[in-house]
């Protein structure tokens, strides 16, 4: 075994968990789950059969990652945040064939107690504030708060709020890393220096 598992955790046969991952108290990982390297699954986490989780994700306590949720690399799920996979559930109506796909892209932070309604895509490095409710797609680098969630600004890959309007034109530099970001309409683009072998996106 190349990952650490607490004696109280249950990992069903067939589940794939990558090297260096940690499975803490009372976790249940279903047999179809695909979990990357260096992932941390906190206390009382549930991972469904049809879940794909990239390397270096951190899933904090009391989070259930249900079927049809995909987390790319480096996603942070705060304590007790919620995913769904059916838009209009009923206990008396079978809707397992109506699961909707949810995609959380690289580097996203989902704050404590937020809710992600199924069927949305959350763009790279977006940050969803604690207690927010996301029911539509979120742009890369967007800072989202409220119920329902609304964009109030932009966030750098380091996790620093950038002094830019939600839409328009402008540039900002992350004070911690020196990375430059360019706002074009409703899209924020990370500037790639020519010295890195790439043109400006």
Protein backbone atom coordinates (compact mmCIF):
# COMPACT_ATOMS: atom_id res chain seq x y z
CA UNK A 1 0.00 0.00 0.00
CA UNK A 2 1.42 3.36 -1.05
CA UNK A 3 -1.03 5.53 0.91
CA UNK A 4 -1.90 5.90 4.60
CA UNK A 5 -5.28 4.73 5.86
CA UNK A 6 -6.72 5.04 9.36
CA UNK A 7 -8.05 1.76 10.84
CA UNK A 8 -11.57 3.21 11.04
CA UNK A 9 -11.70 4.06 7.32
CA UNK A 10 -13.31 1.85 4.66
CA UNK A 11 -11.83 1.62 1.17
CA UNK A 12 -13.90 -0.67 -1.04
CA UNK A 13 -12.21 -3.17 -3.33
CA UNK A 14 -11.39 -1.66 -6.72
CA UNK A 15 -10.83 1.91 -5.55
CA UNK A 16 -7.64 3.54 -6.82
CA UNK A 17 -5.84 5.85 -4.40
CA UNK A 18 -2.57 7.43 -5.47
CA UNK A 19 0.82 7.35 -3.80
CA UNK A 20 1.27 9.48 -0.71
CA UNK A 21 -2.44 10.09 -0.12
CA UNK A 22 -3.91 10.06 3.40
CA UNK A 23 -7.28 8.61 4.35
CA UNK A 24 -8.33 9.73 7.83
CA UNK A 25 -10.91 8.65 10.44
CA UNK A 26 -14.27 7.23 9.32
CA UNK A 27 -13.73 7.87 5.61
CA UNK A 28 -15.58 5.71 3.06
CA UNK A 29 -14.18 5.43 -0.48
CA UNK A 30 -16.35 3.46 -2.92
CA UNK A 31 -14.84 0.89 -5.25
CA UNK A 32 -15.12 2.87 -8.47
CA UNK A 33 -13.42 6.02 -7.18
CA UNK A 34 -10.22 7.28 -8.81
CA UNK A 35 -8.11 9.40 -6.46
CA UNK A 36 -4.76 10.93 -7.36
CA UNK A 37 -1.45 11.28 -5.58
CA UNK A 38 -0.89 13.28 -2.41
CA UNK A 39 -4.60 13.68 -1.66
CA UNK A 40 -5.87 14.24 1.89
CA UNK A 41 -9.33 12.92 2.81
CA UNK A 42 -10.32 14.35 6.20
CA UNK A 43 -12.49 12.82 8.89
CA UNK A 44 -15.94 11.52 7.83
CA UNK A 45 -15.41 12.08 4.08
CA UNK A 46 -17.42 10.03 1.57
CA UNK A 47 -16.22 9.46 -2.02
CA UNK A 48 -18.65 7.94 -4.52
CA UNK A 49 -18.07 5.36 -7.24
CA UNK A 50 -18.14 7.78 -10.16
CA UNK A 51 -15.72 10.32 -8.72
CA UNK A 52 -12.41 11.38 -10.23
CA UNK A 53 -10.08 13.37 -7.99
CA UNK A 54 -6.76 14.83 -9.20
CA UNK A 55 -3.42 14.97 -7.42
CA UNK A 56 -2.93 17.08 -4.28
CA UNK A 57 -6.60 17.74 -3.51
CA UNK A 58 -7.49 18.49 0.12
CA UNK A 59 -10.95 17.38 1.24
CA UNK A 60 -11.68 18.65 4.73
CA UNK A 61 -13.91 17.03 7.36
CA UNK A 62 -17.54 16.06 6.68
CA UNK A 63 -17.54 16.42 2.88
CA UNK A 64 -19.36 13.98 0.59
CA UNK A 65 -18.06 13.88 -2.98
CA UNK A 66 -20.93 12.22 -4.83
CA UNK A 67 -21.09 10.42 -8.19
CA UNK A 68 -20.40 12.47 -11.33
CA UNK A 69 -18.19 14.99 -9.54
CA UNK A 70 -14.72 15.54 -11.01
CA UNK A 71 -12.06 17.48 -9.13
CA UNK A 72 -8.94 18.43 -11.04
CA UNK A 73 -5.51 18.90 -9.45
CA UNK A 74 -5.16 20.89 -6.25
CA UNK A 75 -8.81 21.49 -5.37
CA UNK A 76 -9.52 22.50 -1.76
CA UNK A 77 -12.91 21.51 -0.32
CA UNK A 78 -13.56 23.29 2.98
CA UNK A 79 -15.22 21.66 6.01
CA UNK A 80 -18.82 20.53 5.51
CA UNK A 81 -19.18 21.97 1.99
CA UNK A 82 -21.78 20.21 -0.15
CA UNK A 83 -21.96 18.71 -3.64
CA UNK A 84 -25.18 17.49 -5.24
CA UNK A 85 -25.74 15.32 -8.31
CA UNK A 86 -29.50 15.48 -8.92
CA UNK A 87 -31.19 18.82 -9.62
CA UNK A 88 -34.68 17.93 -8.39
CA UNK A 89 -34.40 14.96 -5.99
CA UNK A 90 -37.40 13.11 -4.59
CA UNK A 91 -37.23 10.20 -2.16
CA UNK A 92 -40.14 8.56 -4.01
CA UNK A 93 -38.77 9.07 -7.56
CA UNK A 94 -35.74 7.12 -8.81
CA UNK A 95 -33.39 9.53 -10.59
CA UNK A 96 -30.02 7.74 -10.66
CA UNK A 97 -30.06 7.97 -14.44
CA UNK A 98 -30.39 11.76 -14.21
CA UNK A 99 -27.12 12.51 -12.40
CA UNK A 100 -25.56 15.73 -13.67
CA UNK A 101 -21.82 16.22 -14.11
CA UNK A 102 -19.98 18.75 -11.97
CA UNK A 103 -16.44 19.82 -12.90
CA UNK A 104 -14.16 21.69 -10.50
CA UNK A 105 -11.02 22.76 -12.30
CA UNK A 106 -7.41 23.05 -11.14
CA UNK A 107 -6.60 25.04 -8.02
CA UNK A 108 -10.16 25.95 -7.01
CA UNK A 109 -11.04 26.69 -3.37
CA UNK A 110 -14.53 25.81 -2.14
CA UNK A 111 -15.07 27.47 1.23
CA UNK A 112 -16.55 25.92 4.36
CA UNK A 113 -20.29 25.15 4.18
CA UNK A 114 -20.68 26.31 0.58
CA UNK A 115 -23.03 24.37 -1.73
CA UNK A 116 -22.29 23.46 -5.34
CA UNK A 117 -25.48 22.66 -7.27
CA UNK A 118 -24.90 19.90 -9.81
CA UNK A 119 -24.26 20.55 -13.49
CA UNK A 120 -21.84 23.48 -13.15
CA UNK A 121 -18.22 24.02 -14.08
CA UNK A 122 -16.00 26.05 -11.77
CA UNK A 123 -13.03 27.56 -13.59
CA UNK A 124 -9.36 27.33 -12.65
CA UNK A 125 -8.30 28.94 -9.36
CA UNK A 126 -11.74 30.41 -8.61
CA UNK A 127 -12.56 30.91 -4.94
CA UNK A 128 -16.04 30.27 -3.56
CA UNK A 129 -16.56 31.92 -0.18
CA UNK A 130 -17.82 30.21 2.95
CA UNK A 131 -21.55 29.55 2.89
CA UNK A 132 -22.05 30.54 -0.76
CA UNK A 133 -24.44 28.70 -3.09
CA UNK A 134 -23.16 28.16 -6.64
CA UNK A 135 -25.88 27.37 -9.19
CA UNK A 136 -24.23 28.47 -12.44
CA UNK A 137 -20.82 28.24 -14.10
CA UNK A 138 -17.97 30.20 -12.51
CA UNK A 139 -15.18 31.89 -14.49
CA UNK A 140 -11.53 31.11 -13.89
CA UNK A 141 -10.04 33.25 -11.07
CA UNK A 142 -13.49 34.54 -10.04
CA UNK A 143 -14.19 35.41 -6.39
CA UNK A 144 -17.75 34.30 -5.53
CA UNK A 145 -19.84 34.96 -2.40
CA UNK A 146 -23.47 34.93 -1.31
CA UNK A 147 -26.72 33.03 -1.87
CA UNK A 148 -27.02 32.64 -4.76
CA UNK A 149 -23.32 33.25 -5.38
CA UNK A 150 -22.34 36.41 -7.22
CA UNK A 151 -18.93 37.51 -8.40
CA UNK A 152 -17.39 40.33 -6.37
CA UNK A 153 -13.90 40.33 -7.88
CA UNK A 154 -10.92 38.28 -8.96
CA UNK A 155 -8.40 36.14 -7.08
CA UNK A 156 -4.80 35.22 -7.97
CA UNK A 157 -3.41 31.70 -8.04
CA UNK A 158 -1.73 32.53 -4.73
CA UNK A 159 -5.14 33.30 -3.22
CA UNK A 160 -4.83 37.09 -3.09
CA UNK A 161 -7.68 39.38 -4.16
CA UNK A 162 -6.74 41.43 -7.21
CA UNK A 163 -7.74 45.14 -7.45
CA UNK A 164 -9.84 44.79 -10.61
CA UNK A 165 -13.54 45.27 -11.46
CA UNK A 166 -15.65 42.22 -12.26
CA UNK A 167 -15.57 43.16 -15.94
CA UNK A 168 -13.86 45.66 -18.21
CA UNK A 169 -10.20 46.21 -19.01
CA UNK A 170 -7.17 46.34 -16.76
CA UNK A 171 -4.12 44.66 -15.31
CA UNK A 172 -3.05 43.65 -11.82
CA UNK A 173 0.01 42.07 -10.24
CA UNK A 174 -0.06 39.58 -7.38
CA UNK A 175 2.01 41.17 -4.62
CA UNK A 176 3.27 37.80 -3.38
CA UNK A 177 4.41 36.23 -6.63
CA UNK A 178 4.77 39.09 -9.10
CA UNK A 179 2.47 37.33 -11.55
CA UNK A 180 0.58 39.69 -13.86
CA UNK A 181 -3.08 39.18 -14.73
CA UNK A 182 -4.92 40.85 -17.63
CA UNK A 183 -8.67 41.52 -17.57
CA UNK A 184 -10.40 41.43 -20.95
CA UNK A 185 -14.16 41.86 -20.62
CA UNK A 186 -15.41 39.14 -18.28
CA UNK A 187 -12.26 37.01 -18.54
CA UNK A 188 -9.10 37.19 -16.47
CA UNK A 189 -5.96 35.82 -18.12
CA UNK A 190 -2.67 34.99 -16.44
CA UNK A 191 0.14 36.70 -18.36
CA UNK A 192 2.86 34.30 -19.50
CA UNK A 193 6.24 35.95 -19.87
CA UNK A 194 7.99 35.35 -23.23
CA UNK A 195 10.98 34.04 -21.31
CA UNK A 196 8.82 31.10 -20.26
CA UNK A 197 8.59 30.08 -23.90
CA UNK A 198 4.97 31.08 -24.42
CA UNK A 199 3.24 34.05 -25.98
CA UNK A 200 0.78 36.27 -24.14
CA UNK A 201 -2.49 34.36 -23.86
